[in-house]
ModelCIF file with pLDDT and N, C-alpha, C, O atoms, coordinates in Angstrom:
data_MODEL
#
_entry.id   MODEL 
#
_entity.id                         1 
_entity.type                       polymer 
_entity.pdbx_number_of_molecules   1 
#
_entity_poly.entity_id                      1 
_entity_poly.type                           'polypeptide(L)' 
_entity_poly.nstd_linkage                   no 
_entity_poly.nstd_monomer                   no 
_entity_poly.pdbx_seq_one_letter_code       
;(UNK)(UNK)(UNK)(UNK)(UNK)(UNK)(UNK)(UNK)(UNK)(UNK)(UNK)(UNK)(UNK)(UNK)(UNK)(UNK)
(UNK)(UNK)(UNK)(UNK)(UNK)(UNK)(UNK)(UNK)(UNK)(UNK)(UNK)(UNK)(UNK)(UNK)(UNK)(UNK)
(UNK)(UNK)(UNK)(UNK)(UNK)(UNK)(UNK)(UNK)(UNK)(UNK)(UNK)(UNK)
;
_entity_poly.pdbx_seq_one_letter_code_can   XXXXXXXXXXXXXXXXXXXXXXXXXXXXXXXXXXXXXXXXXXXX 
_entity_poly.pdbx_strand_id                 A 
#
loop_
_entity_poly_seq.entity_id 
_entity_poly_seq.num 
_entity_poly_seq.mon_id 
_entity_poly_seq.hetero 
1 1  UNK n 
1 2  UNK n 
1 3  UNK n 
1 4  UNK n 
1 5  UNK n 
1 6  UNK n 
1 7  UNK n 
1 8  UNK n 
1 9  UNK n 
1 10 UNK n 
1 11 UNK n 
1 12 UNK n 
1 13 UNK n 
1 14 UNK n 
1 15 UNK n 
1 16 UNK n 
1 17 UNK n 
1 18 UNK n 
1 19 UNK n 
1 20 UNK n 
1 21 UNK n 
1 22 UNK n 
1 23 UNK n 
1 24 UNK n 
1 25 UNK n 
1 26 UNK n 
1 27 UNK n 
1 28 UNK n 
1 29 UNK n 
1 30 UNK n 
1 31 UNK n 
1 32 UNK n 
1 33 UNK n 
1 34 UNK n 
1 35 UNK n 
1 36 UNK n 
1 37 UNK n 
1 38 UNK n 
1 39 UNK n 
1 40 UNK n 
1 41 UNK n 
1 42 UNK n 
1 43 UNK n 
1 44 UNK n 
#
_struct_asym.id          A 
_struct_asym.entity_id   1 
#
loop_
_ma_qa_metric.id 
_ma_qa_metric.mode 
_ma_qa_metric.name 
_ma_qa_metric.software_group_id 
_ma_qa_metric.type 
1 global pLDDT . pLDDT 
2 local  pLDDT . pLDDT 
#
_ma_qa_metric_global.metric_id      1 
_ma_qa_metric_global.metric_value   97.70 
_ma_qa_metric_global.model_id       1 
_ma_qa_metric_global.ordinal_id     1 
#
loop_
_ma_qa_metric_local.label_asym_id 
_ma_qa_metric_local.label_comp_id 
_ma_qa_metric_local.label_seq_id 
_ma_qa_metric_local.metric_id 
_ma_qa_metric_local.metric_value 
_ma_qa_metric_local.model_id 
_ma_qa_metric_local.ordinal_id 
A UNK 1  2 98.00 1 1  
A UNK 2  2 98.00 1 2  
A UNK 3  2 98.00 1 3  
A UNK 4  2 97.00 1 4  
A UNK 5  2 95.00 1 5  
A UNK 6  2 94.00 1 6  
A UNK 7  2 95.00 1 7  
A UNK 8  2 97.00 1 8  
A UNK 9  2 98.00 1 9  
A UNK 10 2 98.00 1 10 
A UNK 11 2 98.00 1 11 
A UNK 12 2 98.00 1 12 
A UNK 13 2 98.00 1 13 
A UNK 14 2 98.00 1 14 
A UNK 15 2 98.00 1 15 
A UNK 16 2 98.00 1 16 
A UNK 17 2 98.00 1 17 
A UNK 18 2 98.00 1 18 
A UNK 19 2 98.00 1 19 
A UNK 20 2 98.00 1 20 
A UNK 21 2 98.00 1 21 
A UNK 22 2 98.00 1 22 
A UNK 23 2 98.00 1 23 
A UNK 24 2 98.00 1 24 
A UNK 25 2 98.00 1 25 
A UNK 26 2 98.00 1 26 
A UNK 27 2 98.00 1 27 
A UNK 28 2 98.00 1 28 
A UNK 29 2 98.00 1 29 
A UNK 30 2 98.00 1 30 
A UNK 31 2 98.00 1 31 
A UNK 32 2 98.00 1 32 
A UNK 33 2 98.00 1 33 
A UNK 34 2 98.00 1 34 
A UNK 35 2 98.00 1 35 
A UNK 36 2 98.00 1 36 
A UNK 37 2 98.00 1 37 
A UNK 38 2 98.00 1 38 
A UNK 39 2 98.00 1 39 
A UNK 40 2 98.00 1 40 
A UNK 41 2 97.00 1 41 
A UNK 42 2 98.00 1 42 
A UNK 43 2 98.00 1 43 
A UNK 44 2 98.00 1 44 
#
loop_
_atom_site.group_PDB 
_atom_site.id 
_atom_site.type_symbol 
_atom_site.label_atom_id 
_atom_site.label_alt_id 
_atom_site.label_comp_id 
_atom_site.label_asym_id 
_atom_site.label_entity_id 
_atom_site.label_seq_id 
_atom_site.pdbx_PDB_ins_code 
_atom_site.Cartn_x 
_atom_site.Cartn_y 
_atom_site.Cartn_z 
_atom_site.occupancy 
_atom_site.B_iso_or_equiv 
_atom_site.pdbx_formal_charge 
_atom_site.auth_seq_id 
_atom_site.auth_comp_id 
_atom_site.auth_asym_id 
_atom_site.auth_atom_id 
_atom_site.pdbx_PDB_model_num 
ATOM 1   N N  . UNK A 1 1  ? 0.815  -1.106  -0.028  1.00 98.00 ? 1  UNK A N  1 
ATOM 2   C CA . UNK A 1 1  ? 0.032  0.000   -0.038  1.00 98.00 ? 1  UNK A CA 1 
ATOM 3   C C  . UNK A 1 1  ? 0.868  1.160   -0.018  1.00 98.00 ? 1  UNK A C  1 
ATOM 4   O O  . UNK A 1 1  ? 1.959  1.060   0.543   1.00 98.00 ? 1  UNK A O  1 
ATOM 5   N N  . UNK A 1 2  ? 0.515  2.299   -0.565  1.00 98.00 ? 2  UNK A N  1 
ATOM 6   C CA . UNK A 1 2  ? 1.182  3.479   -0.889  1.00 98.00 ? 2  UNK A CA 1 
ATOM 7   C C  . UNK A 1 2  ? 0.322  4.588   -0.420  1.00 98.00 ? 2  UNK A C  1 
ATOM 8   O O  . UNK A 1 2  ? -0.893 4.401   -0.481  1.00 98.00 ? 2  UNK A O  1 
ATOM 9   N N  . UNK A 1 3  ? 0.819  5.857   0.096   1.00 98.00 ? 3  UNK A N  1 
ATOM 10  C CA . UNK A 1 3  ? 0.131  6.879   0.348   1.00 98.00 ? 3  UNK A CA 1 
ATOM 11  C C  . UNK A 1 3  ? 1.222  8.174   0.236   1.00 98.00 ? 3  UNK A C  1 
ATOM 12  O O  . UNK A 1 3  ? 2.441  8.084   0.387   1.00 98.00 ? 3  UNK A O  1 
ATOM 13  N N  . UNK A 1 4  ? 0.521  9.294   -0.043  1.00 97.00 ? 4  UNK A N  1 
ATOM 14  C CA . UNK A 1 4  ? 1.271  10.521  -0.102  1.00 97.00 ? 4  UNK A CA 1 
ATOM 15  C C  . UNK A 1 4  ? 1.579  10.903  1.367   1.00 97.00 ? 4  UNK A C  1 
ATOM 16  O O  . UNK A 1 4  ? 0.742  10.883  2.270   1.00 97.00 ? 4  UNK A O  1 
ATOM 17  N N  . UNK A 1 5  ? 2.988  11.281  1.509   1.00 95.00 ? 5  UNK A N  1 
ATOM 18  C CA . UNK A 1 5  ? 3.274  11.605  2.897   1.00 95.00 ? 5  UNK A CA 1 
ATOM 19  C C  . UNK A 1 5  ? 3.769  13.267  2.991   1.00 95.00 ? 5  UNK A C  1 
ATOM 20  O O  . UNK A 1 5  ? 4.774  13.752  2.471   1.00 95.00 ? 5  UNK A O  1 
ATOM 21  N N  . UNK A 1 6  ? 2.872  13.873  3.709   1.00 94.00 ? 6  UNK A N  1 
ATOM 22  C CA . UNK A 1 6  ? 3.069  15.285  3.976   1.00 94.00 ? 6  UNK A CA 1 
ATOM 23  C C  . UNK A 1 6  ? 2.731  16.000  2.416   1.00 94.00 ? 6  UNK A C  1 
ATOM 24  O O  . UNK A 1 6  ? 1.762  15.668  1.733   1.00 94.00 ? 6  UNK A O  1 
ATOM 25  N N  . UNK A 1 7  ? 3.634  16.935  2.060   1.00 95.00 ? 7  UNK A N  1 
ATOM 26  C CA . UNK A 1 7  ? 3.318  17.419  0.772   1.00 95.00 ? 7  UNK A CA 1 
ATOM 27  C C  . UNK A 1 7  ? 4.392  16.886  -0.295  1.00 95.00 ? 7  UNK A C  1 
ATOM 28  O O  . UNK A 1 7  ? 4.729  17.565  -1.265  1.00 95.00 ? 7  UNK A O  1 
ATOM 29  N N  . UNK A 1 8  ? 4.862  15.692  -0.042  1.00 97.00 ? 8  UNK A N  1 
ATOM 30  C CA . UNK A 1 8  ? 5.871  15.058  -1.060  1.00 97.00 ? 8  UNK A CA 1 
ATOM 31  C C  . UNK A 1 8  ? 5.190  14.416  -2.180  1.00 97.00 ? 8  UNK A C  1 
ATOM 32  O O  . UNK A 1 8  ? 5.478  13.239  -2.398  1.00 97.00 ? 8  UNK A O  1 
ATOM 33  N N  . UNK A 1 9  ? 4.326  15.004  -2.933  1.00 98.00 ? 9  UNK A N  1 
ATOM 34  C CA . UNK A 1 9  ? 3.541  14.472  -4.186  1.00 98.00 ? 9  UNK A CA 1 
ATOM 35  C C  . UNK A 1 9  ? 4.468  13.957  -5.303  1.00 98.00 ? 9  UNK A C  1 
ATOM 36  O O  . UNK A 1 9  ? 4.065  13.098  -6.086  1.00 98.00 ? 9  UNK A O  1 
ATOM 37  N N  . UNK A 1 10 ? 5.487  14.383  -5.368  1.00 98.00 ? 10 UNK A N  1 
ATOM 38  C CA . UNK A 1 10 ? 6.573  13.882  -6.359  1.00 98.00 ? 10 UNK A CA 1 
ATOM 39  C C  . UNK A 1 10 ? 6.846  12.541  -6.186  1.00 98.00 ? 10 UNK A C  1 
ATOM 40  O O  . UNK A 1 10 ? 6.753  11.749  -7.124  1.00 98.00 ? 10 UNK A O  1 
ATOM 41  N N  . UNK A 1 11 ? 7.241  12.145  -4.847  1.00 98.00 ? 11 UNK A N  1 
ATOM 42  C CA . UNK A 1 11 ? 7.622  10.648  -4.429  1.00 98.00 ? 11 UNK A CA 1 
ATOM 43  C C  . UNK A 1 11 ? 6.314  9.937   -4.604  1.00 98.00 ? 11 UNK A C  1 
ATOM 44  O O  . UNK A 1 11 ? 6.308  8.863   -5.205  1.00 98.00 ? 11 UNK A O  1 
ATOM 45  N N  . UNK A 1 12 ? 5.199  10.450  -4.124  1.00 98.00 ? 12 UNK A N  1 
ATOM 46  C CA . UNK A 1 12 ? 4.040  9.504   -4.084  1.00 98.00 ? 12 UNK A CA 1 
ATOM 47  C C  . UNK A 1 12 ? 3.737  9.099   -5.658  1.00 98.00 ? 12 UNK A C  1 
ATOM 48  O O  . UNK A 1 12 ? 3.330  7.977   -5.957  1.00 98.00 ? 12 UNK A O  1 
ATOM 49  N N  . UNK A 1 13 ? 3.964  10.063  -6.556  1.00 98.00 ? 13 UNK A N  1 
ATOM 50  C CA . UNK A 1 13 ? 3.578  9.948   -8.123  1.00 98.00 ? 13 UNK A CA 1 
ATOM 51  C C  . UNK A 1 13 ? 4.571  8.846   -8.621  1.00 98.00 ? 13 UNK A C  1 
ATOM 52  O O  . UNK A 1 13 ? 4.337  8.294   -9.697  1.00 98.00 ? 13 UNK A O  1 
ATOM 53  N N  . UNK A 1 14 ? 5.641  8.510   -7.903  1.00 98.00 ? 14 UNK A N  1 
ATOM 54  C CA . UNK A 1 14 ? 6.767  7.619   -8.357  1.00 98.00 ? 14 UNK A CA 1 
ATOM 55  C C  . UNK A 1 14 ? 6.599  6.229   -7.746  1.00 98.00 ? 14 UNK A C  1 
ATOM 56  O O  . UNK A 1 14 ? 7.247  5.291   -8.211  1.00 98.00 ? 14 UNK A O  1 
ATOM 57  N N  . UNK A 1 15 ? 5.702  6.043   -6.657  1.00 98.00 ? 15 UNK A N  1 
ATOM 58  C CA . UNK A 1 15 ? 5.800  4.952   -5.756  1.00 98.00 ? 15 UNK A CA 1 
ATOM 59  C C  . UNK A 1 15 ? 5.676  3.472   -6.666  1.00 98.00 ? 15 UNK A C  1 
ATOM 60  O O  . UNK A 1 15 ? 5.989  2.435   -6.082  1.00 98.00 ? 15 UNK A O  1 
ATOM 61  N N  . UNK A 1 16 ? 5.294  3.416   -7.855  1.00 98.00 ? 16 UNK A N  1 
ATOM 62  C CA . UNK A 1 16 ? 5.252  2.257   -8.566  1.00 98.00 ? 16 UNK A CA 1 
ATOM 63  C C  . UNK A 1 16 ? 6.747  1.747   -8.891  1.00 98.00 ? 16 UNK A C  1 
ATOM 64  O O  . UNK A 1 16 ? 6.929  0.603   -9.308  1.00 98.00 ? 16 UNK A O  1 
ATOM 65  N N  . UNK A 1 17 ? 7.825  2.664   -8.679  1.00 98.00 ? 17 UNK A N  1 
ATOM 66  C CA . UNK A 1 17 ? 9.083  2.221   -8.897  1.00 98.00 ? 17 UNK A CA 1 
ATOM 67  C C  . UNK A 1 17 ? 9.464  1.293   -7.637  1.00 98.00 ? 17 UNK A C  1 
ATOM 68  O O  . UNK A 1 17 ? 10.183 0.301   -7.759  1.00 98.00 ? 17 UNK A O  1 
ATOM 69  N N  . UNK A 1 18 ? 8.956  1.681   -6.518  1.00 98.00 ? 18 UNK A N  1 
ATOM 70  C CA . UNK A 1 18 ? 9.192  0.932   -5.222  1.00 98.00 ? 18 UNK A CA 1 
ATOM 71  C C  . UNK A 1 18 ? 8.490  -0.528  -5.612  1.00 98.00 ? 18 UNK A C  1 
ATOM 72  O O  . UNK A 1 18 ? 9.062  -1.608  -5.464  1.00 98.00 ? 18 UNK A O  1 
ATOM 73  N N  . UNK A 1 19 ? 7.301  -0.377  -6.077  1.00 98.00 ? 19 UNK A N  1 
ATOM 74  C CA . UNK A 1 19 ? 6.574  -1.573  -6.461  1.00 98.00 ? 19 UNK A CA 1 
ATOM 75  C C  . UNK A 1 19 ? 7.329  -2.573  -7.363  1.00 98.00 ? 19 UNK A C  1 
ATOM 76  O O  . UNK A 1 19 ? 7.353  -3.792  -7.194  1.00 98.00 ? 19 UNK A O  1 
ATOM 77  N N  . UNK A 1 20 ? 7.889  -1.942  -8.258  1.00 98.00 ? 20 UNK A N  1 
ATOM 78  C CA . UNK A 1 20 ? 8.622  -2.657  -9.389  1.00 98.00 ? 20 UNK A CA 1 
ATOM 79  C C  . UNK A 1 20 ? 9.876  -3.497  -8.570  1.00 98.00 ? 20 UNK A C  1 
ATOM 80  O O  . UNK A 1 20 ? 10.157 -4.672  -8.810  1.00 98.00 ? 20 UNK A O  1 
ATOM 81  N N  . UNK A 1 21 ? 10.473 -2.759  -7.692  1.00 98.00 ? 21 UNK A N  1 
ATOM 82  C CA . UNK A 1 21 ? 11.681 -3.321  -6.948  1.00 98.00 ? 21 UNK A CA 1 
ATOM 83  C C  . UNK A 1 21 ? 11.246 -4.397  -6.043  1.00 98.00 ? 21 UNK A C  1 
ATOM 84  O O  . UNK A 1 21 ? 11.983 -5.372  -5.892  1.00 98.00 ? 21 UNK A O  1 
ATOM 85  N N  . UNK A 1 22 ? 10.122 -4.314  -5.428  1.00 98.00 ? 22 UNK A N  1 
ATOM 86  C CA . UNK A 1 22 ? 9.569  -5.266  -4.581  1.00 98.00 ? 22 UNK A CA 1 
ATOM 87  C C  . UNK A 1 22 ? 9.276  -6.466  -5.368  1.00 98.00 ? 22 UNK A C  1 
ATOM 88  O O  . UNK A 1 22 ? 9.643  -7.541  -4.892  1.00 98.00 ? 22 UNK A O  1 
ATOM 89  N N  . UNK A 1 23 ? 8.691  -6.455  -6.461  1.00 98.00 ? 23 UNK A N  1 
ATOM 90  C CA . UNK A 1 23 ? 8.244  -7.680  -7.233  1.00 98.00 ? 23 UNK A CA 1 
ATOM 91  C C  . UNK A 1 23 ? 9.657  -8.392  -7.691  1.00 98.00 ? 23 UNK A C  1 
ATOM 92  O O  . UNK A 1 23 ? 9.887  -9.593  -7.553  1.00 98.00 ? 23 UNK A O  1 
ATOM 93  N N  . UNK A 1 24 ? 10.592 -7.393  -8.281  1.00 98.00 ? 24 UNK A N  1 
ATOM 94  C CA . UNK A 1 24 ? 11.850 -8.093  -8.697  1.00 98.00 ? 24 UNK A CA 1 
ATOM 95  C C  . UNK A 1 24 ? 12.549 -8.860  -7.549  1.00 98.00 ? 24 UNK A C  1 
ATOM 96  O O  . UNK A 1 24 ? 13.136 -9.914  -7.795  1.00 98.00 ? 24 UNK A O  1 
ATOM 97  N N  . UNK A 1 25 ? 12.490 -8.306  -6.196  1.00 98.00 ? 25 UNK A N  1 
ATOM 98  C CA . UNK A 1 25 ? 13.176 -8.989  -5.191  1.00 98.00 ? 25 UNK A CA 1 
ATOM 99  C C  . UNK A 1 25 ? 12.538 -10.292 -4.819  1.00 98.00 ? 25 UNK A C  1 
ATOM 100 O O  . UNK A 1 25 ? 13.227 -11.295 -4.634  1.00 98.00 ? 25 UNK A O  1 
ATOM 101 N N  . UNK A 1 26 ? 11.142 -10.293 -4.697  1.00 98.00 ? 26 UNK A N  1 
ATOM 102 C CA . UNK A 1 26 ? 10.475 -11.547 -4.379  1.00 98.00 ? 26 UNK A CA 1 
ATOM 103 C C  . UNK A 1 26 ? 10.728 -12.724 -5.510  1.00 98.00 ? 26 UNK A C  1 
ATOM 104 O O  . UNK A 1 26 ? 10.902 -13.898 -5.183  1.00 98.00 ? 26 UNK A O  1 
ATOM 105 N N  . UNK A 1 27 ? 10.727 -12.279 -6.846  1.00 98.00 ? 27 UNK A N  1 
ATOM 106 C CA . UNK A 1 27 ? 10.877 -13.156 -7.946  1.00 98.00 ? 27 UNK A CA 1 
ATOM 107 C C  . UNK A 1 27 ? 12.362 -13.717 -7.681  1.00 98.00 ? 27 UNK A C  1 
ATOM 108 O O  . UNK A 1 27 ? 12.542 -14.932 -7.764  1.00 98.00 ? 27 UNK A O  1 
ATOM 109 N N  . UNK A 1 28 ? 13.433 -12.854 -7.363  1.00 98.00 ? 28 UNK A N  1 
ATOM 110 C CA . UNK A 1 28 ? 14.805 -13.270 -7.213  1.00 98.00 ? 28 UNK A CA 1 
ATOM 111 C C  . UNK A 1 28 ? 14.826 -14.335 -5.983  1.00 98.00 ? 28 UNK A C  1 
ATOM 112 O O  . UNK A 1 28 ? 15.531 -15.343 -6.047  1.00 98.00 ? 28 UNK A O  1 
ATOM 113 N N  . UNK A 1 29 ? 14.091 -14.074 -4.976  1.00 98.00 ? 29 UNK A N  1 
ATOM 114 C CA . UNK A 1 29 ? 14.017 -14.936 -3.761  1.00 98.00 ? 29 UNK A CA 1 
ATOM 115 C C  . UNK A 1 29 ? 13.323 -16.306 -4.148  1.00 98.00 ? 29 UNK A C  1 
ATOM 116 O O  . UNK A 1 29 ? 13.812 -17.348 -3.712  1.00 98.00 ? 29 UNK A O  1 
ATOM 117 N N  . UNK A 1 30 ? 12.293 -16.333 -4.886  1.00 98.00 ? 30 UNK A N  1 
ATOM 118 C CA . UNK A 1 30 ? 11.592 -17.634 -5.234  1.00 98.00 ? 30 UNK A CA 1 
ATOM 119 C C  . UNK A 1 30 ? 12.633 -18.493 -6.183  1.00 98.00 ? 30 UNK A C  1 
ATOM 120 O O  . UNK A 1 30 ? 12.900 -19.688 -6.049  1.00 98.00 ? 30 UNK A O  1 
ATOM 121 N N  . UNK A 1 31 ? 13.128 -17.630 -7.128  1.00 98.00 ? 31 UNK A N  1 
ATOM 122 C CA . UNK A 1 31 ? 14.138 -18.342 -8.144  1.00 98.00 ? 31 UNK A CA 1 
ATOM 123 C C  . UNK A 1 31 ? 15.349 -18.996 -7.237  1.00 98.00 ? 31 UNK A C  1 
ATOM 124 O O  . UNK A 1 31 ? 15.794 -20.114 -7.492  1.00 98.00 ? 31 UNK A O  1 
ATOM 125 N N  . UNK A 1 32 ? 15.781 -18.274 -6.272  1.00 98.00 ? 32 UNK A N  1 
ATOM 126 C CA . UNK A 1 32 ? 17.040 -18.727 -5.535  1.00 98.00 ? 32 UNK A CA 1 
ATOM 127 C C  . UNK A 1 32 ? 16.548 -20.151 -4.919  1.00 98.00 ? 32 UNK A C  1 
ATOM 128 O O  . UNK A 1 32 ? 17.264 -21.148 -5.013  1.00 98.00 ? 32 UNK A O  1 
ATOM 129 N N  . UNK A 1 33 ? 15.278 -20.177 -4.284  1.00 98.00 ? 33 UNK A N  1 
ATOM 130 C CA . UNK A 1 33 ? 14.657 -21.485 -3.610  1.00 98.00 ? 33 UNK A CA 1 
ATOM 131 C C  . UNK A 1 33 ? 14.641 -22.597 -4.660  1.00 98.00 ? 33 UNK A C  1 
ATOM 132 O O  . UNK A 1 33 ? 14.996 -23.751 -4.421  1.00 98.00 ? 33 UNK A O  1 
ATOM 133 N N  . UNK A 1 34 ? 14.186 -22.141 -5.881  1.00 98.00 ? 34 UNK A N  1 
ATOM 134 C CA . UNK A 1 34 ? 14.175 -23.045 -7.019  1.00 98.00 ? 34 UNK A CA 1 
ATOM 135 C C  . UNK A 1 34 ? 15.429 -23.588 -7.403  1.00 98.00 ? 34 UNK A C  1 
ATOM 136 O O  . UNK A 1 34 ? 15.517 -24.796 -7.623  1.00 98.00 ? 34 UNK A O  1 
ATOM 137 N N  . UNK A 1 35 ? 16.402 -22.838 -7.507  1.00 98.00 ? 35 UNK A N  1 
ATOM 138 C CA . UNK A 1 35 ? 17.864 -23.286 -7.785  1.00 98.00 ? 35 UNK A CA 1 
ATOM 139 C C  . UNK A 1 35 ? 18.475 -24.200 -6.719  1.00 98.00 ? 35 UNK A C  1 
ATOM 140 O O  . UNK A 1 35 ? 19.133 -25.202 -6.999  1.00 98.00 ? 35 UNK A O  1 
ATOM 141 N N  . UNK A 1 36 ? 18.178 -23.732 -5.324  1.00 98.00 ? 36 UNK A N  1 
ATOM 142 C CA . UNK A 1 36 ? 18.745 -24.492 -4.313  1.00 98.00 ? 36 UNK A CA 1 
ATOM 143 C C  . UNK A 1 36 ? 17.999 -25.988 -4.254  1.00 98.00 ? 36 UNK A C  1 
ATOM 144 O O  . UNK A 1 36 ? 18.529 -27.004 -3.803  1.00 98.00 ? 36 UNK A O  1 
ATOM 145 N N  . UNK A 1 37 ? 16.866 -25.911 -4.721  1.00 98.00 ? 37 UNK A N  1 
ATOM 146 C CA . UNK A 1 37 ? 16.021 -27.155 -4.563  1.00 98.00 ? 37 UNK A CA 1 
ATOM 147 C C  . UNK A 1 37 ? 16.251 -28.050 -6.002  1.00 98.00 ? 37 UNK A C  1 
ATOM 148 O O  . UNK A 1 37 ? 15.926 -29.225 -6.169  1.00 98.00 ? 37 UNK A O  1 
ATOM 149 N N  . UNK A 1 38 ? 16.822 -27.264 -6.861  1.00 98.00 ? 38 UNK A N  1 
ATOM 150 C CA . UNK A 1 38 ? 16.977 -27.970 -8.383  1.00 98.00 ? 38 UNK A CA 1 
ATOM 151 C C  . UNK A 1 38 ? 15.604 -28.555 -8.860  1.00 98.00 ? 38 UNK A C  1 
ATOM 152 O O  . UNK A 1 38 ? 15.475 -29.733 -9.194  1.00 98.00 ? 38 UNK A O  1 
ATOM 153 N N  . UNK A 1 39 ? 14.477 -27.535 -8.867  1.00 98.00 ? 39 UNK A N  1 
ATOM 154 C CA . UNK A 1 39 ? 13.228 -27.971 -9.358  1.00 98.00 ? 39 UNK A CA 1 
ATOM 155 C C  . UNK A 1 39 ? 13.037 -27.182 -10.667 1.00 98.00 ? 39 UNK A C  1 
ATOM 156 O O  . UNK A 1 39 ? 13.641 -26.137 -10.909 1.00 98.00 ? 39 UNK A O  1 
ATOM 157 N N  . UNK A 1 40 ? 12.150 -27.765 -11.488 1.00 98.00 ? 40 UNK A N  1 
ATOM 158 C CA . UNK A 1 40 ? 11.907 -27.191 -12.882 1.00 98.00 ? 40 UNK A CA 1 
ATOM 159 C C  . UNK A 1 40 ? 10.745 -26.192 -12.733 1.00 98.00 ? 40 UNK A C  1 
ATOM 160 O O  . UNK A 1 40 ? 10.765 -25.144 -13.378 1.00 98.00 ? 40 UNK A O  1 
ATOM 161 N N  . UNK A 1 41 ? 9.811  -26.468 -11.963 1.00 97.00 ? 41 UNK A N  1 
ATOM 162 C CA . UNK A 1 41 ? 8.579  -25.524 -11.791 1.00 97.00 ? 41 UNK A CA 1 
ATOM 163 C C  . UNK A 1 41 ? 9.099  -24.091 -11.267 1.00 97.00 ? 41 UNK A C  1 
ATOM 164 O O  . UNK A 1 41 ? 10.116 -23.986 -10.582 1.00 97.00 ? 41 UNK A O  1 
ATOM 165 N N  . UNK A 1 42 ? 8.354  -23.073 -11.631 1.00 98.00 ? 42 UNK A N  1 
ATOM 166 C CA . UNK A 1 42 ? 8.687  -21.775 -11.100 1.00 98.00 ? 42 UNK A CA 1 
ATOM 167 C C  . UNK A 1 42 ? 7.325  -21.312 -10.273 1.00 98.00 ? 42 UNK A C  1 
ATOM 168 O O  . UNK A 1 42 ? 6.171  -21.431 -10.684 1.00 98.00 ? 42 UNK A O  1 
ATOM 169 N N  . UNK A 1 43 ? 7.738  -20.770 -9.038  1.00 98.00 ? 43 UNK A N  1 
ATOM 170 C CA . UNK A 1 43 ? 6.667  -20.190 -8.135  1.00 98.00 ? 43 UNK A CA 1 
ATOM 171 C C  . UNK A 1 43 ? 6.315  -18.859 -8.714  1.00 98.00 ? 43 UNK A C  1 
ATOM 172 O O  . UNK A 1 43 ? 7.258  -18.081 -8.859  1.00 98.00 ? 43 UNK A O  1 
ATOM 173 N N  . UNK A 1 44 ? 5.210  -18.488 -9.044  1.00 98.00 ? 44 UNK A N  1 
ATOM 174 C CA . UNK A 1 44 ? 4.844  -17.060 -9.467  1.00 98.00 ? 44 UNK A CA 1 
ATOM 175 C C  . UNK A 1 44 ? 4.259  -16.246 -8.374  1.00 98.00 ? 44 UNK A C  1 
ATOM 176 O O  . UNK A 1 44 ? 3.922  -15.081 -8.584  1.00 98.00 ? 44 UNK A O  1 
#
């Protein structure tokens, strides 16, 4: 969840960049577990 903090509308308008980074981090973690376990399937 995201919200505008104080008068910092510039940062709020760019919060999807944080969302992108969050997604990329979770994908990387899931794929790390996949590699450790040597599994073919991907967890989405």
